[in-house]
Amino acid sequence: MKLVRALALTFAALLLHAVPTLAEQPADVAHRFLQAFEKKDYATIRGLFAPGASVTTAELSRSEPAKQSHKPADEWAAQSEKEMAAVTFEKLEVLETSTVAFDQGATVAVHFRSRGKAGEFAFVNEGIDTYSLIQVDGAWRILRYGTFERLEAR
C-alpha cells in the first residue's frame, strides 16, 4: 500500500511539473520552456505545446539572408532534440520579457542571450522568442512558438 501511495504521489508530482496550469501566467510558461530547452528536457517542452502547435524559426546572419523554417511542434521537437545533443549551455539569460493577454489568449516575447559550446565551437546566441498561448483544459499551452536568433562564434 505504501508503494502504491508513493508511486501515485510521484506520478502526480511529474504531471504538475510537465503541464502548465492557469495558476501560471503566460510568461511563466515561456520561461519554463526556456529552462527546459537549456536542460534539454524535451518531455517538458512537448508537454507545454497545445495540440496542433507549430514552430517557426529564423536563423539570422550578418552576411546572408535569414534561413526560415516552419514545422509542426512535434517534428521541430524531435529534430531539435537530435541537433542539440552535442550542445552544452554555459549560460542562458532572459534580457527582457513582455506579455500581451486578451481573454483566453496571450503572446509573450522573450529577448534572450545564451553562451555555450557545440563540440569545440564556442558560441553566443541572441534572439527573441515569441509564444502564442491559449487556454486548453485549464492550462496555458503554446499554440505557436517562434524564434529568430543570431549565432556567432565567441
C-alpha atoms as a PDB file:
ATOM      1  CA  MET A   1       0.000   0.000   0.000  1.00  0.00           C
ATOM      2  CA  LYS A   2       2.848   2.391   0.856  1.00  0.00           C
ATOM      3  CA  LEU A   3       4.453   1.646  -2.512  1.00  0.00           C
ATOM      4  CA  VAL A   4       1.207   2.381  -4.372  1.00  0.00           C
ATOM      5  CA  ARG A   5       0.756   5.650  -2.460  1.00  0.00           C
ATOM      6  CA  ALA A   6       4.394   6.651  -3.126  1.00  0.00           C
ATOM      7  CA  LEU A   7       4.028   5.881  -6.827  1.00  0.00           C
ATOM      8  CA  ALA A   8       0.771   7.861  -7.021  1.00  0.00           C
ATOM      9  CA  LEU A   9       2.398  10.879  -5.351  1.00  0.00           C
ATOM     10  CA  THR A  10       5.434  10.636  -7.641  1.00  0.00           C
ATOM     11  CA  PHE A  11       3.207  10.438 -10.729  1.00  0.00           C
ATOM     12  CA  ALA A  12       1.136  13.408  -9.560  1.00  0.00           C
ATOM     13  CA  ALA A  13       4.309  15.447  -8.987  1.00  0.00           C
ATOM     14  CA  LEU A  14       5.533  14.629 -12.505  1.00  0.00           C
ATOM     15  CA  LEU A  15       2.228  15.721 -14.024  1.00  0.00           C
ATOM     16  CA  LEU A  16       2.322  19.001 -12.125  1.00  0.00           C
ATOM     17  CA  HIS A  17       5.864  19.610 -13.360  1.00  0.00           C
ATOM     18  CA  ALA A  18       5.132  18.923 -17.026  1.00  0.00           C
ATOM     19  CA  VAL A  19       1.721  20.519 -17.547  1.00  0.00           C
ATOM     20  CA  PRO A  20       1.213  24.257 -17.171  1.00  0.00           C
ATOM     21  CA  THR A  21      -1.819  25.491 -15.253  1.00  0.00           C
ATOM     22  CA  LEU A  22      -3.804  28.721 -15.207  1.00  0.00           C
ATOM     23  CA  ALA A  23      -2.111  29.445 -11.865  1.00  0.00           C
ATOM     24  CA  GLU A  24       0.922  30.101 -14.037  1.00  0.00           C
ATOM     25  CA  GLN A  25       0.993  33.311 -16.002  1.00  0.00           C
ATOM     26  CA  PRO A  26       1.775  33.079 -19.740  1.00  0.00           C
ATOM     27  CA  ALA A  27       5.304  34.466 -19.154  1.00  0.00           C
ATOM     28  CA  ASP A  28       5.913  31.693 -16.592  1.00  0.00           C
ATOM     29  CA  VAL A  29       5.176  29.109 -19.286  1.00  0.00           C
ATOM     30  CA  ALA A  30       7.589  30.834 -21.700  1.00  0.00           C
ATOM     31  CA  HIS A  31      10.315  30.916 -19.045  1.00  0.00           C
ATOM     32  CA  ARG A  32       9.699  27.261 -18.222  1.00  0.00           C
ATOM     33  CA  PHE A  33      10.090  26.443 -21.916  1.00  0.00           C
ATOM     34  CA  LEU A  34      13.464  28.216 -21.978  1.00  0.00           C
ATOM     35  CA  GLN A  35      14.626  26.466 -18.811  1.00  0.00           C
ATOM     36  CA  ALA A  36      13.597  23.108 -20.256  1.00  0.00           C
ATOM     37  CA  PHE A  37      15.388  23.927 -23.521  1.00  0.00           C
ATOM     38  CA  GLU A  38      18.572  24.806 -21.632  1.00  0.00           C
ATOM     39  CA  LYS A  39      18.365  21.473 -19.756  1.00  0.00           C
ATOM     40  CA  LYS A  40      17.371  19.599 -22.949  1.00  0.00           C
ATOM     41  CA  ASP A  41      14.208  18.452 -21.185  1.00  0.00           C
ATOM     42  CA  TYR A  42      12.134  17.659 -24.253  1.00  0.00           C
ATOM     43  CA  ALA A  43       9.439  15.850 -22.271  1.00  0.00           C
ATOM     44  CA  THR A  44       8.595  19.141 -20.561  1.00  0.00           C
ATOM     45  CA  ILE A  45       8.854  21.051 -23.837  1.00  0.00           C
ATOM     46  CA  ARG A  46       6.417  18.665 -25.550  1.00  0.00           C
ATOM     47  CA  GLY A  47       4.042  18.980 -22.587  1.00  0.00           C
ATOM     48  CA  LEU A  48       3.929  22.760 -22.945  1.00  0.00           C
ATOM     49  CA  PHE A  49       2.615  22.651 -26.536  1.00  0.00           C
ATOM     50  CA  ALA A  50      -1.084  22.722 -27.398  1.00  0.00           C
ATOM     51  CA  PRO A  51      -2.409  20.042 -29.765  1.00  0.00           C
ATOM     52  CA  GLY A  52      -1.624  21.045 -33.356  1.00  0.00           C
ATOM     53  CA  ALA A  53       1.028  23.590 -32.305  1.00  0.00           C
ATOM     54  CA  SER A  54       3.573  24.912 -34.793  1.00  0.00           C
ATOM     55  CA  VAL A  55       7.091  26.311 -34.680  1.00  0.00           C
ATOM     56  CA  THR A  56       8.617  28.995 -36.882  1.00  0.00           C
ATOM     57  CA  THR A  57      12.347  29.692 -36.779  1.00  0.00           C
ATOM     58  CA  ALA A  58      14.585  32.226 -38.479  1.00  0.00           C
ATOM     59  CA  GLU A  59      18.361  31.935 -38.261  1.00  0.00           C
ATOM     60  CA  LEU A  60      19.795  35.419 -38.731  1.00  0.00           C
ATOM     61  CA  SER A  61      23.209  36.205 -40.156  1.00  0.00           C
ATOM     62  CA  ARG A  62      25.186  39.404 -40.634  1.00  0.00           C
ATOM     63  CA  SER A  63      26.258  38.251 -44.101  1.00  0.00           C
ATOM     64  CA  GLU A  64      23.449  36.041 -45.501  1.00  0.00           C
ATOM     65  CA  PRO A  65      19.663  36.102 -45.792  1.00  0.00           C
ATOM     66  CA  ALA A  66      17.737  34.601 -42.879  1.00  0.00           C
ATOM     67  CA  LYS A  67      17.091  30.846 -43.036  1.00  0.00           C
ATOM     68  CA  GLN A  68      13.442  30.172 -42.253  1.00  0.00           C
ATOM     69  CA  SER A  69      11.666  27.021 -41.164  1.00  0.00           C
ATOM     70  CA  HIS A  70       8.008  26.214 -40.376  1.00  0.00           C
ATOM     71  CA  LYS A  71       7.191  22.872 -38.748  1.00  0.00           C
ATOM     72  CA  PRO A  72       4.626  21.142 -36.579  1.00  0.00           C
ATOM     73  CA  ALA A  73       5.799  21.333 -32.953  1.00  0.00           C
ATOM     74  CA  ASP A  74       6.302  17.587 -32.592  1.00  0.00           C
ATOM     75  CA  GLU A  75       8.501  17.475 -35.697  1.00  0.00           C
ATOM     76  CA  TRP A  76      10.513  20.503 -34.505  1.00  0.00           C
ATOM     77  CA  ALA A  77      10.990  18.959 -31.034  1.00  0.00           C
ATOM     78  CA  ALA A  78      12.275  15.660 -32.480  1.00  0.00           C
ATOM     79  CA  GLN A  79      14.696  17.471 -34.802  1.00  0.00           C
ATOM     80  CA  SER A  80      15.840  19.903 -32.111  1.00  0.00           C
ATOM     81  CA  GLU A  81      16.432  17.076 -29.631  1.00  0.00           C
ATOM     82  CA  LYS A  82      18.815  15.393 -32.098  1.00  0.00           C
ATOM     83  CA  GLU A  83      20.577  18.625 -33.135  1.00  0.00           C
ATOM     84  CA  MET A  84      21.041  19.863 -29.562  1.00  0.00           C
ATOM     85  CA  ALA A  85      22.564  16.599 -28.275  1.00  0.00           C
ATOM     86  CA  ALA A  86      26.123  17.920 -28.803  1.00  0.00           C
ATOM     87  CA  VAL A  87      25.391  21.407 -27.415  1.00  0.00           C
ATOM     88  CA  THR A  88      26.369  22.420 -23.898  1.00  0.00           C
ATOM     89  CA  PHE A  89      24.918  25.634 -22.496  1.00  0.00           C
ATOM     90  CA  GLU A  90      27.111  27.643 -20.137  1.00  0.00           C
ATOM     91  CA  LYS A  91      24.523  30.325 -19.540  1.00  0.00           C
ATOM     92  CA  LEU A  92      21.088  31.271 -20.778  1.00  0.00           C
ATOM     93  CA  GLU A  93      19.825  34.645 -19.658  1.00  0.00           C
ATOM     94  CA  VAL A  94      16.499  36.359 -20.134  1.00  0.00           C
ATOM     95  CA  LEU A  95      17.168  40.002 -21.008  1.00  0.00           C
ATOM     96  CA  GLU A  96      13.560  41.182 -21.284  1.00  0.00           C
ATOM     97  CA  THR A  97      10.050  39.735 -21.276  1.00  0.00           C
ATOM     98  CA  SER A  98       6.807  41.328 -22.405  1.00  0.00           C
ATOM     99  CA  THR A  99       3.277  39.930 -22.369  1.00  0.00           C
ATOM    100  CA  VAL A 100       0.043  40.975 -24.029  1.00  0.00           C
ATOM    101  CA  ALA A 101      -3.034  38.980 -22.992  1.00  0.00           C
ATOM    102  CA  PHE A 102      -6.656  39.031 -24.032  1.00  0.00           C
ATOM    103  CA  ASP A 103      -9.386  36.683 -22.847  1.00  0.00           C
ATOM    104  CA  GLN A 104      -8.114  33.116 -23.395  1.00  0.00           C
ATOM    105  CA  GLY A 105      -5.054  34.051 -25.425  1.00  0.00           C
ATOM    106  CA  ALA A 106      -1.700  35.667 -24.802  1.00  0.00           C
ATOM    107  CA  THR A 107       1.523  36.490 -26.593  1.00  0.00           C
ATOM    108  CA  VAL A 108       4.836  36.532 -24.765  1.00  0.00           C
ATOM    109  CA  ALA A 109       8.093  37.851 -26.235  1.00  0.00           C
ATOM    110  CA  VAL A 110      11.393  36.952 -24.569  1.00  0.00           C
ATOM    111  CA  HIS A 111      14.691  38.580 -25.542  1.00  0.00           C
ATOM    112  CA  PHE A 112      17.426  36.114 -24.607  1.00  0.00           C
ATOM    113  CA  ARG A 113      21.166  35.531 -24.842  1.00  0.00           C
ATOM    114  CA  SER A 114      22.930  32.210 -24.406  1.00  0.00           C
ATOM    115  CA  ARG A 115      26.518  31.071 -24.367  1.00  0.00           C
ATOM    116  CA  GLY A 116      27.784  27.578 -24.887  1.00  0.00           C
ATOM    117  CA  LYS A 117      29.683  25.076 -26.980  1.00  0.00           C
ATOM    118  CA  ALA A 118      28.871  22.712 -29.788  1.00  0.00           C
ATOM    119  CA  GLY A 119      31.877  20.431 -29.847  1.00  0.00           C
ATOM    120  CA  GLU A 120      34.856  22.791 -29.995  1.00  0.00           C
ATOM    121  CA  PHE A 121      32.781  25.684 -31.392  1.00  0.00           C
ATOM    122  CA  ALA A 122      32.115  28.252 -28.662  1.00  0.00           C
ATOM    123  CA  PHE A 123      29.118  30.462 -29.401  1.00  0.00           C
ATOM    124  CA  VAL A 124      26.957  33.349 -28.312  1.00  0.00           C
ATOM    125  CA  ASN A 125      23.350  33.153 -29.440  1.00  0.00           C
ATOM    126  CA  GLU A 126      20.994  36.106 -29.094  1.00  0.00           C
ATOM    127  CA  GLY A 127      17.426  36.478 -30.247  1.00  0.00           C
ATOM    128  CA  ILE A 128      13.772  36.879 -29.451  1.00  0.00           C
ATOM    129  CA  ASP A 129      11.381  34.016 -28.828  1.00  0.00           C
ATOM    130  CA  THR A 130       7.644  34.564 -29.178  1.00  0.00           C
ATOM    131  CA  TYR A 131       4.990  32.346 -27.678  1.00  0.00           C
ATOM    132  CA  SER A 132       1.334  32.498 -28.685  1.00  0.00           C
ATOM    133  CA  LEU A 133      -0.549  30.760 -25.894  1.00  0.00           C
ATOM    134  CA  ILE A 134      -4.136  29.628 -25.490  1.00  0.00           C
ATOM    135  CA  GLN A 135      -6.036  28.065 -22.629  1.00  0.00           C
ATOM    136  CA  VAL A 136      -6.555  24.341 -23.082  1.00  0.00           C
ATOM    137  CA  ASP A 137      -8.235  22.246 -20.388  1.00  0.00           C
ATOM    138  CA  GLY A 138      -7.484  24.789 -17.666  1.00  0.00           C
ATOM    139  CA  ALA A 139      -3.856  25.389 -18.618  1.00  0.00           C
ATOM    140  CA  TRP A 140      -1.856  27.797 -20.737  1.00  0.00           C
ATOM    141  CA  ARG A 141      -0.375  25.945 -23.714  1.00  0.00           C
ATOM    142  CA  ILE A 142       1.878  27.139 -26.527  1.00  0.00           C
ATOM    143  CA  LEU A 143      -0.046  27.191 -29.810  1.00  0.00           C
ATOM    144  CA  ARG A 144       2.762  28.797 -31.803  1.00  0.00           C
ATOM    145  CA  TYR A 145       6.418  29.139 -30.860  1.00  0.00           C
ATOM    146  CA  GLY A 146       8.591  31.404 -32.966  1.00  0.00           C
ATOM    147  CA  THR A 147      12.227  32.318 -32.655  1.00  0.00           C
ATOM    148  CA  PHE A 148      14.655  34.447 -34.543  1.00  0.00           C
ATOM    149  CA  GLU A 149      18.218  34.277 -33.415  1.00  0.00           C
ATOM    150  CA  ARG A 150      21.761  35.045 -34.449  1.00  0.00           C
ATOM    151  CA  LEU A 151      24.502  32.560 -33.612  1.00  0.00           C
ATOM    152  CA  GLU A 152      28.069  33.882 -33.554  1.00  0.00           C
ATOM    153  CA  ALA A 153      31.450  32.467 -32.607  1.00  0.00           C
ATOM    154  CA  ARG A 154      32.986  33.894 -29.490  1.00  0.00           C
END
